[in-house]
Protein backbone atom coordinates (compact mmCIF):
# COMPACT_ATOMS: atom_id res chain seq x y z
CA MET A 1 -0.08 0.00 0.15
CA ALA A 2 2.82 2.12 0.82
CA GLY A 3 4.37 1.76 -2.81
CA SER A 4 0.64 2.71 -4.34
CA SER A 5 0.65 6.08 -2.16
CA GLN A 6 3.94 7.02 -3.18
CA ALA A 7 3.05 6.07 -6.67
CA GLU A 8 0.17 8.46 -6.36
CA VAL A 9 2.58 11.33 -5.55
CA LEU A 10 5.20 11.13 -8.36
CA LYS A 11 1.92 10.69 -10.72
CA ALA A 12 0.71 14.11 -9.05
CA GLU A 13 4.47 15.77 -9.63
CA GLY A 14 4.09 14.26 -13.53
CA ASN A 15 0.96 16.09 -13.77
CA ALA A 16 2.22 19.22 -12.73
CA LEU A 17 5.43 18.82 -15.06
CA PHE A 18 3.09 17.75 -17.78
CA VAL A 19 0.93 20.77 -17.70
CA GLN A 20 4.15 23.04 -18.03
CA ASN A 21 5.29 20.96 -20.96
CA ASP A 22 7.87 19.54 -19.60
CA PHE A 23 7.56 15.77 -20.96
CA SER A 24 10.88 14.54 -20.35
CA GLY A 25 10.28 15.32 -16.40
CA ALA A 26 7.04 14.13 -16.62
CA TYR A 27 8.01 10.56 -18.44
CA LYS A 28 10.41 10.15 -15.85
CA LYS A 29 7.87 10.62 -12.78
CA TYR A 30 5.57 8.30 -14.19
CA THR A 31 8.29 5.90 -14.99
CA ALA A 32 9.07 5.61 -11.34
CA ALA A 33 5.45 5.69 -10.36
CA ILE A 34 5.10 2.69 -12.52
CA LYS A 35 7.71 0.95 -10.86
CA LEU A 36 5.86 1.22 -7.46
CA ASP A 37 2.40 0.29 -8.94
CA ASN A 38 2.57 -1.63 -12.15
CA GLN A 39 -1.09 -2.28 -12.26
CA ASN A 40 -1.96 1.15 -12.65
CA ALA A 41 -3.17 1.74 -16.41
CA ILE A 42 -3.47 5.68 -15.86
CA LEU A 43 0.33 5.70 -15.12
CA TYR A 44 1.12 3.61 -18.60
CA CYS A 45 -1.42 6.21 -20.28
CA ASN A 46 -0.01 9.49 -19.22
CA ARG A 47 3.85 8.51 -19.89
CA ALA A 48 2.38 7.59 -23.39
CA ALA A 49 1.07 11.12 -23.90
CA CYS A 50 4.50 12.48 -22.54
CA SER A 51 6.14 10.06 -25.17
CA PHE A 52 3.62 12.14 -27.99
CA GLY A 53 4.88 15.17 -26.55
CA LEU A 54 8.25 14.46 -27.14
CA ASN A 55 7.60 13.24 -30.71
CA ARG A 56 8.50 9.55 -29.82
CA TRP A 57 5.98 8.38 -31.59
CA GLY A 58 4.43 4.71 -30.37
CA LEU A 59 7.40 4.03 -27.77
CA ASP A 60 4.71 3.72 -25.12
CA SER A 61 1.66 2.66 -26.95
CA PHE A 62 1.85 -1.17 -26.59
CA PRO A 63 2.14 -0.83 -22.71
CA CYS A 64 -0.83 1.62 -22.31
CA SER A 65 -2.72 -0.77 -24.57
CA VAL A 66 -1.90 -3.90 -22.56
CA SER A 67 -2.59 -2.02 -19.30
CA LEU A 68 -5.92 -0.82 -20.86
CA TYR A 69 -7.01 -4.13 -21.77
CA SER A 70 -5.98 -5.64 -18.50
CA THR A 71 -7.81 -3.32 -16.20
CA PRO A 72 -11.22 -4.20 -15.02
CA HIS A 73 -14.08 -2.00 -16.37
């Protein structure tokens, strides 16, 4: 549970960087959060959005898709 709450802190930090168009910094925060909570599909999607912002098309689209399909709806 502690890893999940720390992942949420990192996600919030990533979100703050993302809105400032610091896609590289946000990418690093989301990656760190994924290491703590690899079941959170939103983290993968946020990181994929950073890849698009960095013009690295498709780099994270597969992990994002897999996490969305494996998340209960």
